[in-house]
Amino acid sequence: MTDPTDPSGMPHSAVPATPEKKPFLYVVVCACGIAVEVGKLIAAAQERCWDVGVIATPQGLGFLDTEAIQSRTGHPIRSAWRTPGEPRPLPPADAIAVAPATFNTINKWAAGISDTLALGILCEAYGMGIPTAALPYLNAAQAAHPAYRQSLGRLREMDVLIGTYEPHAPKVGGGAGRFRWEEALDLLEPRLVRRS
């Protein structure tokens, strides 16, 4: 693996990791049709030397093949808070990818609303300095709402890295073919190198 301090300036295709511990990525999955394809991000992250755990919003959970994801990651999908005394099912996150990030989650997160486990983790991540990327997936009618633009501005102020997906036209089935799952890793990897 290339040394992250390599003066050649060549881009790094993988996260530097020690043999003892891979960096741990939380993938926060929200409720929308392309959530069923989150395995693409999980596979890409694992190929790039990440360990992965999935946290789903309560509605997002219904879009996932939980058995396949848990088999792939080796970790349970989290969607609800632990009960007192229950062990932590996932190690602490080194970075977080919110993919797909919906209109609802982006607006609640920016407003500091923490009414689900996923939002609670995202709200705390800012104060804990955990590198976080969001890949919004929404239609142009939602994106036109002033609250959405304000929320993206607030998240950027919080140093959240925002993906480049252009909202699709409403009522036409979405733009899943243009959604770049690996963009989350491309955004996060340079931040992880700086923290290590």
Protein backbone atom coordinates (compact mmCIF):
# COMPACT_ATOMS: atom_id res chain seq x y z
CA MET A 1 0.00 0.00 0.00
CA THR A 2 1.25 3.48 -0.83
CA ASP A 3 2.50 5.60 2.03
CA PRO A 4 -0.01 8.47 2.65
CA THR A 5 2.95 10.85 2.91
CA ASP A 6 4.26 9.77 -0.51
CA PRO A 7 5.64 12.95 -2.13
CA SER A 8 4.69 11.71 -5.61
CA GLY A 9 1.23 13.18 -5.16
CA MET A 10 -0.39 10.07 -6.61
CA PRO A 11 -3.98 9.58 -5.43
CA HIS A 12 -4.56 6.88 -2.86
CA SER A 13 -7.04 4.19 -3.82
CA ALA A 14 -7.42 2.74 -0.34
CA VAL A 15 -7.57 3.85 3.24
CA PRO A 16 -4.32 3.28 5.10
CA ALA A 17 -4.95 0.59 7.65
CA THR A 18 -2.84 -1.42 10.00
CA PRO A 19 -3.10 -5.21 9.93
CA GLU A 20 -4.52 -5.08 13.46
CA LYS A 21 -7.45 -2.74 12.85
CA LYS A 22 -9.28 -1.53 9.78
CA PRO A 23 -11.01 1.85 10.01
CA PHE A 24 -14.69 1.44 10.85
CA LEU A 25 -17.34 3.06 8.64
CA TYR A 26 -20.92 3.59 9.72
CA VAL A 27 -23.25 3.60 6.72
CA VAL A 28 -26.48 5.39 7.63
CA VAL A 29 -29.28 4.31 5.29
CA CYS A 30 -32.46 6.34 4.83
CA ALA A 31 -35.81 5.29 3.35
CA CYS A 32 -35.91 5.56 -0.42
CA GLY A 33 -35.97 3.17 -3.36
CA ILE A 34 -32.24 3.04 -4.02
CA ALA A 35 -31.51 2.00 -0.43
CA VAL A 36 -31.86 -1.60 -1.64
CA GLU A 37 -28.55 -1.09 -3.47
CA VAL A 38 -26.51 -0.12 -0.39
CA GLY A 39 -24.56 -3.34 -0.83
CA LYS A 40 -22.64 -1.50 -3.56
CA LEU A 41 -21.23 0.91 -1.00
CA ILE A 42 -20.54 -1.86 1.51
CA ALA A 43 -18.64 -3.92 -1.07
CA ALA A 44 -16.65 -0.91 -2.29
CA ALA A 45 -15.73 0.06 1.27
CA GLN A 46 -14.59 -3.47 2.12
CA GLU A 47 -12.49 -3.58 -1.05
CA ARG A 48 -10.84 -0.35 0.10
CA CYS A 49 -9.91 -1.77 3.53
CA TRP A 50 -12.82 -0.52 5.64
CA ASP A 51 -14.84 -2.51 8.15
CA VAL A 52 -18.53 -1.56 7.86
CA GLY A 53 -21.59 -1.41 10.07
CA VAL A 54 -25.05 -0.29 8.92
CA ILE A 55 -27.42 1.98 10.82
CA ALA A 56 -30.87 2.38 9.26
CA THR A 57 -33.60 4.87 9.95
CA PRO A 58 -36.73 3.05 11.14
CA GLN A 59 -38.36 3.50 7.72
CA GLY A 60 -35.11 2.74 5.90
CA LEU A 61 -34.91 -0.66 7.58
CA GLY A 62 -37.84 -1.86 5.47
CA PHE A 63 -35.85 -1.30 2.26
CA LEU A 64 -32.93 -3.52 3.27
CA ASP A 65 -32.15 -7.20 2.92
CA THR A 66 -31.04 -7.42 6.55
CA GLU A 67 -29.85 -11.01 6.34
CA ALA A 68 -27.61 -10.32 3.32
CA ILE A 69 -26.18 -7.13 4.85
CA GLN A 70 -25.48 -8.74 8.23
CA SER A 71 -23.82 -11.67 6.50
CA ARG A 72 -21.70 -9.31 4.39
CA THR A 73 -20.63 -7.02 7.24
CA GLY A 74 -20.54 -9.50 10.12
CA HIS A 75 -22.47 -6.99 12.24
CA PRO A 76 -26.15 -6.53 13.08
CA ILE A 77 -28.00 -3.64 11.45
CA ARG A 78 -28.82 -1.04 14.07
CA SER A 79 -32.05 0.93 13.97
CA ALA A 80 -33.08 1.39 17.61
CA TRP A 81 -31.34 2.55 20.76
CA ARG A 82 -29.77 -0.01 23.06
CA THR A 83 -31.46 -0.85 26.33
CA PRO A 84 -29.54 -0.12 29.55
CA GLY A 85 -26.76 -2.65 30.02
CA GLU A 86 -26.99 -4.00 26.46
CA PRO A 87 -23.51 -4.29 24.89
CA ARG A 88 -22.57 -2.05 21.98
CA PRO A 89 -23.11 -4.05 18.79
CA LEU A 90 -20.72 -1.90 16.71
CA PRO A 91 -17.31 -0.42 17.45
CA PRO A 92 -16.95 3.37 17.43
CA ALA A 93 -17.01 4.97 13.98
CA ASP A 94 -13.90 6.37 12.34
CA ALA A 95 -16.12 7.92 9.65
CA ILE A 96 -19.79 8.02 8.66
CA ALA A 97 -21.45 7.90 5.23
CA VAL A 98 -25.13 8.82 4.95
CA ALA A 99 -26.21 7.11 1.74
CA PRO A 100 -28.79 7.61 0.50
CA ALA A 101 -29.52 10.80 2.45
CA THR A 102 -33.17 11.81 2.09
CA PHE A 103 -34.84 15.22 2.22
CA ASN A 104 -36.34 14.35 5.60
CA THR A 105 -33.08 13.18 7.21
CA ILE A 106 -31.04 16.09 5.88
CA ASN A 107 -33.51 18.66 7.23
CA LYS A 108 -33.88 16.98 10.64
CA TRP A 109 -30.12 16.49 11.00
CA ALA A 110 -29.36 20.12 10.16
CA ALA A 111 -32.00 21.24 12.68
CA GLY A 112 -30.47 19.09 15.43
CA ILE A 113 -33.48 16.78 15.70
CA SER A 114 -32.45 13.48 17.24
CA ASP A 115 -35.63 11.39 17.25
CA THR A 116 -34.09 8.21 15.80
CA LEU A 117 -30.87 6.35 16.49
CA ALA A 118 -29.54 7.33 13.04
CA LEU A 119 -30.15 11.02 13.68
CA GLY A 120 -28.77 10.76 17.21
CA ILE A 121 -25.52 9.34 15.84
CA LEU A 122 -25.33 12.03 13.16
CA CYS A 123 -26.01 14.86 15.61
CA GLU A 124 -23.29 13.58 17.98
CA ALA A 125 -20.76 13.02 15.17
CA TYR A 126 -20.26 16.76 14.75
CA GLY A 127 -19.30 17.25 18.39
CA MET A 128 -17.05 14.20 18.29
CA GLY A 129 -15.19 15.33 15.17
CA ILE A 130 -16.06 12.22 13.16
CA PRO A 131 -15.63 12.79 9.41
CA THR A 132 -19.06 12.53 7.81
CA ALA A 133 -20.25 12.51 4.20
CA ALA A 134 -23.82 12.70 2.93
CA LEU A 135 -24.97 11.58 -0.51
CA PRO A 136 -28.36 13.24 -0.99
CA TYR A 137 -30.92 11.45 -3.13
CA LEU A 138 -34.09 13.43 -3.76
CA ASN A 139 -36.15 14.97 -6.52
CA ALA A 140 -35.94 18.51 -7.86
CA ALA A 141 -39.26 19.54 -6.30
CA GLN A 142 -37.95 18.64 -2.84
CA ALA A 143 -34.60 20.28 -3.56
CA ALA A 144 -36.42 23.53 -4.48
CA HIS A 145 -37.78 23.87 -0.94
CA PRO A 146 -35.92 26.67 0.90
CA ALA A 147 -35.46 24.48 3.99
CA TYR A 148 -33.37 22.03 1.98
CA ARG A 149 -30.94 24.68 0.74
CA GLN A 150 -30.64 26.08 4.25
CA SER A 151 -30.05 22.59 5.65
CA LEU A 152 -27.27 21.86 3.17
CA GLY A 153 -25.67 25.17 4.13
CA ARG A 154 -25.86 24.30 7.83
CA LEU A 155 -24.37 20.84 7.24
CA ARG A 156 -21.51 22.34 5.22
CA GLU A 157 -20.86 24.75 8.11
CA MET A 158 -20.61 21.62 10.28
CA ASP A 159 -17.93 20.31 7.89
CA VAL A 160 -20.18 17.57 6.48
CA LEU A 161 -19.02 16.57 3.00
CA ILE A 162 -21.90 16.68 0.50
CA GLY A 163 -22.10 14.48 -2.61
CA THR A 164 -22.64 15.82 -6.11
CA TYR A 165 -25.82 13.99 -7.17
CA GLU A 166 -28.12 16.32 -9.11
CA PRO A 167 -31.76 15.88 -8.01
CA HIS A 168 -33.92 13.98 -10.49
CA ALA A 169 -37.25 15.13 -11.91
CA PRO A 170 -40.22 14.32 -9.68
CA LYS A 171 -42.62 11.48 -10.50
CA VAL A 172 -40.34 9.84 -13.08
CA GLY A 173 -38.79 6.97 -11.12
CA GLY A 174 -35.60 8.62 -9.92
CA GLY A 175 -32.03 8.69 -11.16
CA ALA A 176 -30.56 5.59 -9.52
CA GLY A 177 -28.20 5.05 -12.45
CA ARG A 178 -26.49 8.38 -11.71
CA PHE A 179 -26.08 7.77 -7.98
CA ARG A 180 -22.37 7.28 -7.19
CA TRP A 181 -22.18 5.15 -4.03
CA GLU A 182 -18.37 5.23 -3.98
CA GLU A 183 -18.36 9.03 -3.83
CA ALA A 184 -18.82 8.72 -0.06
CA LEU A 185 -15.48 6.91 0.20
CA ASP A 186 -13.78 9.38 -2.14
CA LEU A 187 -14.91 12.22 0.11
CA LEU A 188 -14.03 10.55 3.41
CA GLU A 189 -10.68 8.91 2.72
CA PRO A 190 -8.64 12.14 2.63
CA ARG A 191 -10.17 13.15 5.99
CA LEU A 192 -9.26 9.82 7.53
CA VAL A 193 -5.67 10.12 6.37
CA ARG A 194 -5.41 13.54 8.07
CA ARG A 195 -6.80 12.14 11.35
CA SER A 196 -4.45 9.12 11.44
